[in-house]
Amino acid sequence: MHTKAKPGSVLKGLRLANGWTLAEVSRRTGLPVSTLSKVENDKMSLSYDKLARISRGLDIDIGQLFSSEVTPSLSLATGRRSITRAGEGRVIETETYVTTFCATDLLNKRFVPLIAEVHARSTAEFSEMIRHPGEEYAYVLEGTVELHSDLYAPVVLETGDSIYFDSGMGHVYVNVGPGRARVMSICSGDESQLMAASGGQDAAPDGQPPAPHSEALKPLKIVKRADQRHAGRS
């Protein structure tokens, strides 16, 4: 007896198993939320083009969508790990921040770890406040920073202080101490969007999903270490 394949049910099972919202699957695949909802509820059939986009966007084998059992994607595999050595990571350098993204070799992370060296000394150095989906936890590793947001008064954070906030709220960090300031942040949300918000060029064009195996997302050596950048400035 043949069992009729139900890609929509498999898609829904994968989405729930990974804790993804329809909006997140939409960002990954480039398919509208309304289309994905209809597919999951068997109100719309999937063309090969849509199947391929889902396969690429979710980093799964296309045959998995025709499986009779929902198999969690690799993002749920136990034992995953990634080591980012000193001087490694995907680095995005702007006038205001030098941001090092860690563990960029892992796909479908539940959160994005990064370390930012804050160069900005005034909010006037930003053309606009930074916003990205999700929430953010920040811990000051070194120095003194002032966090500005569009909903709260500025708050000063010293070394060892931390803050948790909605990162969809406009925000920027400013170095208000006499020396170097470094902040470790843990952010939820899509890594490519975070990179784009940091001033990088890793986000896909509007309306297109980020390429999960993009060369830009592979870990790269830092071209200039913080101590090297300041060497000779006496």
Protein backbone atom coordinates (compact mmCIF):
# COMPACT_ATOMS: atom_id res chain seq x y z
CA MET A 1 0.00 0.00 0.00
CA HIS A 2 1.42 3.35 -1.05
CA THR A 3 1.29 6.31 1.32
CA LYS A 4 0.67 9.66 -0.30
CA ALA A 5 3.51 12.09 0.36
CA LYS A 6 2.56 15.25 2.21
CA PRO A 7 5.43 17.74 1.90
CA GLY A 8 3.35 20.36 3.73
CA SER A 9 3.03 18.18 6.82
CA VAL A 10 6.73 17.37 6.70
CA LEU A 11 7.56 21.08 6.37
CA LYS A 12 5.40 21.92 9.37
CA GLY A 13 6.99 19.16 11.42
CA LEU A 14 10.49 20.35 10.56
CA ARG A 15 9.56 23.94 11.37
CA LEU A 16 8.13 23.04 14.77
CA ALA A 17 11.01 20.69 15.58
CA ASN A 18 13.47 23.51 14.98
CA GLY A 19 11.43 26.15 16.77
CA TRP A 20 11.06 28.28 13.61
CA THR A 21 8.17 30.64 13.00
CA LEU A 22 6.54 30.90 9.58
CA ALA A 23 8.16 34.32 9.26
CA GLU A 24 11.62 32.82 9.79
CA VAL A 25 10.99 30.07 7.22
CA SER A 26 9.80 32.81 4.86
CA ARG A 27 13.08 34.70 5.35
CA ARG A 28 15.10 31.56 4.74
CA THR A 29 13.23 30.43 1.63
CA GLY A 30 11.96 33.66 0.11
CA LEU A 31 8.41 32.27 0.02
CA PRO A 32 5.56 34.41 1.42
CA VAL A 33 4.17 33.49 4.84
CA SER A 34 0.70 33.09 3.29
CA THR A 35 2.04 30.55 0.80
CA LEU A 36 3.84 28.57 3.49
CA SER A 37 0.71 28.52 5.65
CA LYS A 38 -1.37 27.15 2.77
CA VAL A 39 1.28 24.53 2.02
CA GLU A 40 1.43 23.37 5.64
CA ASN A 41 -2.36 23.02 5.74
CA ASP A 42 -2.44 21.09 2.43
CA LYS A 43 -4.32 23.90 0.71
CA MET A 44 -1.62 24.38 -1.91
CA SER A 45 0.63 21.96 -3.73
CA LEU A 46 4.33 22.59 -4.12
CA SER A 47 5.96 23.02 -7.50
CA TYR A 48 9.49 21.75 -8.00
CA ASP A 49 10.75 25.34 -7.86
CA LYS A 50 9.18 25.89 -4.43
CA LEU A 51 10.45 22.52 -3.20
CA ALA A 52 13.96 23.45 -4.30
CA ARG A 53 13.77 26.83 -2.57
CA ILE A 54 12.62 25.19 0.67
CA SER A 55 15.36 22.60 0.40
CA ARG A 56 18.07 25.24 -0.11
CA GLY A 57 16.68 27.67 2.43
CA LEU A 58 16.34 25.10 5.22
CA ASP A 59 19.52 23.24 4.24
CA ILE A 60 17.78 19.87 3.90
CA ASP A 61 17.73 17.18 1.22
CA ILE A 62 14.75 17.67 -1.08
CA GLY A 63 13.84 14.02 -0.59
CA GLN A 64 13.23 14.71 3.09
CA LEU A 65 10.09 16.63 2.12
CA PHE A 66 8.61 13.39 0.76
CA SER A 67 9.51 11.31 3.79
CA SER A 68 6.72 9.69 5.80
CA GLU A 69 8.57 10.60 9.01
CA VAL A 70 9.74 13.98 10.19
CA THR A 71 13.48 13.91 10.69
CA PRO A 72 14.91 16.91 12.56
CA SER A 73 17.37 18.89 10.50
CA LEU A 74 21.04 19.04 11.34
CA SER A 75 20.47 22.05 13.55
CA LEU A 76 19.05 19.67 16.19
CA ALA A 77 21.88 17.16 16.03
CA THR A 78 23.53 16.59 19.37
CA GLY A 79 27.25 17.03 19.76
CA ARG A 80 27.63 20.06 17.53
CA ARG A 81 30.46 22.37 18.41
CA SER A 82 32.55 25.11 16.92
CA ILE A 83 35.83 26.53 18.19
CA THR A 84 36.79 30.09 17.34
CA ARG A 85 40.44 30.65 18.18
CA ALA A 86 41.90 34.01 19.17
CA GLY A 87 42.32 36.03 15.99
CA GLU A 88 39.66 34.06 14.07
CA GLY A 89 36.09 34.85 13.10
CA ARG A 90 34.16 36.75 10.44
CA VAL A 91 35.11 40.38 10.99
CA ILE A 92 33.15 43.40 9.84
CA GLU A 93 34.92 46.71 10.40
CA THR A 94 33.21 50.11 10.23
CA GLU A 95 34.02 53.55 11.60
CA THR A 96 31.89 52.85 14.68
CA TYR A 97 32.46 49.16 15.47
CA VAL A 98 34.78 46.28 14.73
CA THR A 99 32.50 43.25 15.05
CA THR A 100 33.78 39.67 15.17
CA PHE A 101 31.17 37.00 14.47
CA CYS A 102 32.06 33.66 16.08
CA ALA A 103 31.10 30.07 15.15
CA THR A 104 30.18 31.11 11.61
CA ASP A 105 30.82 27.56 10.34
CA LEU A 106 27.62 26.35 12.06
CA LEU A 107 24.32 26.73 10.21
CA ASN A 108 20.91 27.29 11.79
CA LYS A 109 22.24 28.48 15.14
CA ARG A 110 19.68 29.29 17.81
CA PHE A 111 21.65 32.44 18.63
CA VAL A 112 24.55 34.41 17.17
CA PRO A 113 27.62 35.08 19.35
CA LEU A 114 29.73 38.13 18.55
CA ILE A 115 32.26 40.48 20.07
CA ALA A 116 32.21 44.18 19.23
CA GLU A 117 34.98 46.68 19.83
CA VAL A 118 33.22 50.03 20.15
CA HIS A 119 35.02 52.90 18.41
CA ALA A 120 32.16 55.42 18.29
CA ARG A 121 32.48 58.24 20.79
CA SER A 122 29.16 59.92 19.96
CA THR A 123 25.75 58.97 18.59
CA ALA A 124 26.39 61.59 15.89
CA GLU A 125 28.75 59.09 14.25
CA PHE A 126 25.80 56.83 13.36
CA SER A 127 23.62 57.66 10.37
CA GLU A 128 20.78 55.81 12.09
CA MET A 129 20.21 53.48 15.02
CA ILE A 130 20.75 49.76 14.54
CA ARG A 131 17.74 47.43 14.47
CA HIS A 132 17.53 43.70 13.84
CA PRO A 133 14.98 40.99 14.63
CA GLY A 134 15.14 39.16 17.96
CA GLU A 135 16.62 39.91 21.34
CA GLU A 136 20.13 40.68 22.54
CA TYR A 137 22.19 40.04 25.67
CA ALA A 138 25.30 42.18 26.01
CA TYR A 139 28.15 41.84 28.53
CA VAL A 140 30.86 44.48 28.80
CA LEU A 141 34.24 42.75 28.61
CA GLU A 142 36.38 45.86 28.81
CA GLY A 143 35.95 49.59 29.26
CA THR A 144 32.80 51.68 29.66
CA VAL A 145 29.99 51.95 27.12
CA GLU A 146 26.77 53.90 26.95
CA LEU A 147 23.79 52.18 25.35
CA HIS A 148 21.42 54.52 23.55
CA SER A 149 17.99 53.36 22.38
CA ASP A 150 14.91 54.95 20.93
CA LEU A 151 12.68 53.95 23.88
CA TYR A 152 14.88 54.39 26.95
CA ALA A 153 17.23 56.99 28.37
CA PRO A 154 20.94 56.24 27.77
CA VAL A 155 22.45 53.81 30.27
CA VAL A 156 26.14 53.53 31.20
CA LEU A 157 27.57 50.02 31.48
CA GLU A 158 30.93 49.36 33.12
CA THR A 159 33.17 46.30 32.78
CA GLY A 160 31.24 43.30 34.11
CA ASP A 161 27.81 44.92 33.64
CA SER A 162 25.28 43.35 31.28
CA ILE A 163 21.92 44.11 29.70
CA TYR A 164 19.19 42.16 27.91
CA PHE A 165 16.90 43.98 25.49
CA ASP A 166 14.66 43.79 22.44
CA SER A 167 17.03 44.34 19.52
CA GLY A 168 14.16 45.36 17.24
CA MET A 169 14.34 48.59 19.22
CA GLY A 170 16.78 51.07 17.71
CA HIS A 171 20.07 50.98 19.63
CA VAL A 172 23.76 51.90 19.47
CA TYR A 173 26.75 51.50 21.77
CA VAL A 174 29.11 54.43 22.40
CA ASN A 175 32.53 54.24 24.06
CA VAL A 176 32.49 56.74 26.95
CA GLY A 177 35.58 55.51 28.81
CA PRO A 178 39.21 56.65 28.50
CA GLY A 179 40.40 53.49 26.77
CA ARG A 180 39.26 50.56 24.67
CA ALA A 181 35.70 49.19 25.02
CA ARG A 182 34.66 45.66 24.09
CA VAL A 183 31.22 44.09 24.36
CA MET A 184 30.25 40.44 23.96
CA SER A 185 26.72 40.04 22.60
CA ILE A 186 24.49 37.03 22.16
CA CYS A 187 21.75 37.77 19.64
CA SER A 188 18.77 35.80 18.44
CA GLY A 189 17.82 36.19 14.81
CA ASP A 190 19.29 35.42 11.42
CA GLU A 191 23.08 35.73 11.18
CA SER A 192 23.09 37.32 7.72
CA GLN A 193 20.67 40.01 8.90
CA LEU A 194 22.87 40.72 11.89
CA MET A 195 25.88 41.03 9.61
CA ALA A 196 23.97 43.42 7.37
CA ALA A 197 22.93 45.49 10.40
CA SER A 198 26.60 45.62 11.40
CA GLY A 199 27.50 47.16 8.09
CA GLY A 200 28.52 44.01 6.21
CA GLN A 201 27.56 42.89 2.73
CA ASP A 202 26.61 39.31 3.55
CA ALA A 203 22.83 39.68 3.30
CA ALA A 204 21.16 38.47 0.11
CA PRO A 205 19.37 40.96 -2.17
CA ASP A 206 15.90 42.07 -1.13
CA GLY A 207 13.34 39.33 -1.49
CA GLN A 208 15.95 36.59 -1.76
CA PRO A 209 16.92 34.13 0.98
CA PRO A 210 20.48 34.18 2.34
CA ALA A 211 22.63 31.48 0.82
CA PRO A 212 23.27 29.00 3.65
CA HIS A 213 26.63 27.96 2.21
CA SER A 214 27.71 31.45 1.15
CA GLU A 215 31.47 31.83 1.02
CA ALA A 216 31.06 35.05 2.98
CA LEU A 217 29.76 33.15 6.00
CA LYS A 218 32.81 30.93 6.36
CA PRO A 219 35.16 31.81 9.21
CA LEU A 220 37.99 34.09 8.10
CA LYS A 221 41.16 35.19 9.81
CA ILE A 222 41.11 38.65 11.28
CA VAL A 223 43.22 40.82 9.02
CA LYS A 224 44.21 43.15 11.84
CA ARG A 225 44.09 42.26 15.49
CA ALA A 226 43.02 45.00 17.91
CA ASP A 227 46.52 45.26 19.38
CA GLN A 228 48.01 45.50 15.89
CA ARG A 229 45.64 48.27 14.86
CA HIS A 230 46.78 50.39 17.78
CA ALA A 231 50.46 49.51 17.47
CA GLY A 232 52.66 52.49 16.80
CA ARG A 233 50.03 55.03 17.90
CA SER A 234 52.02 56.60 20.70
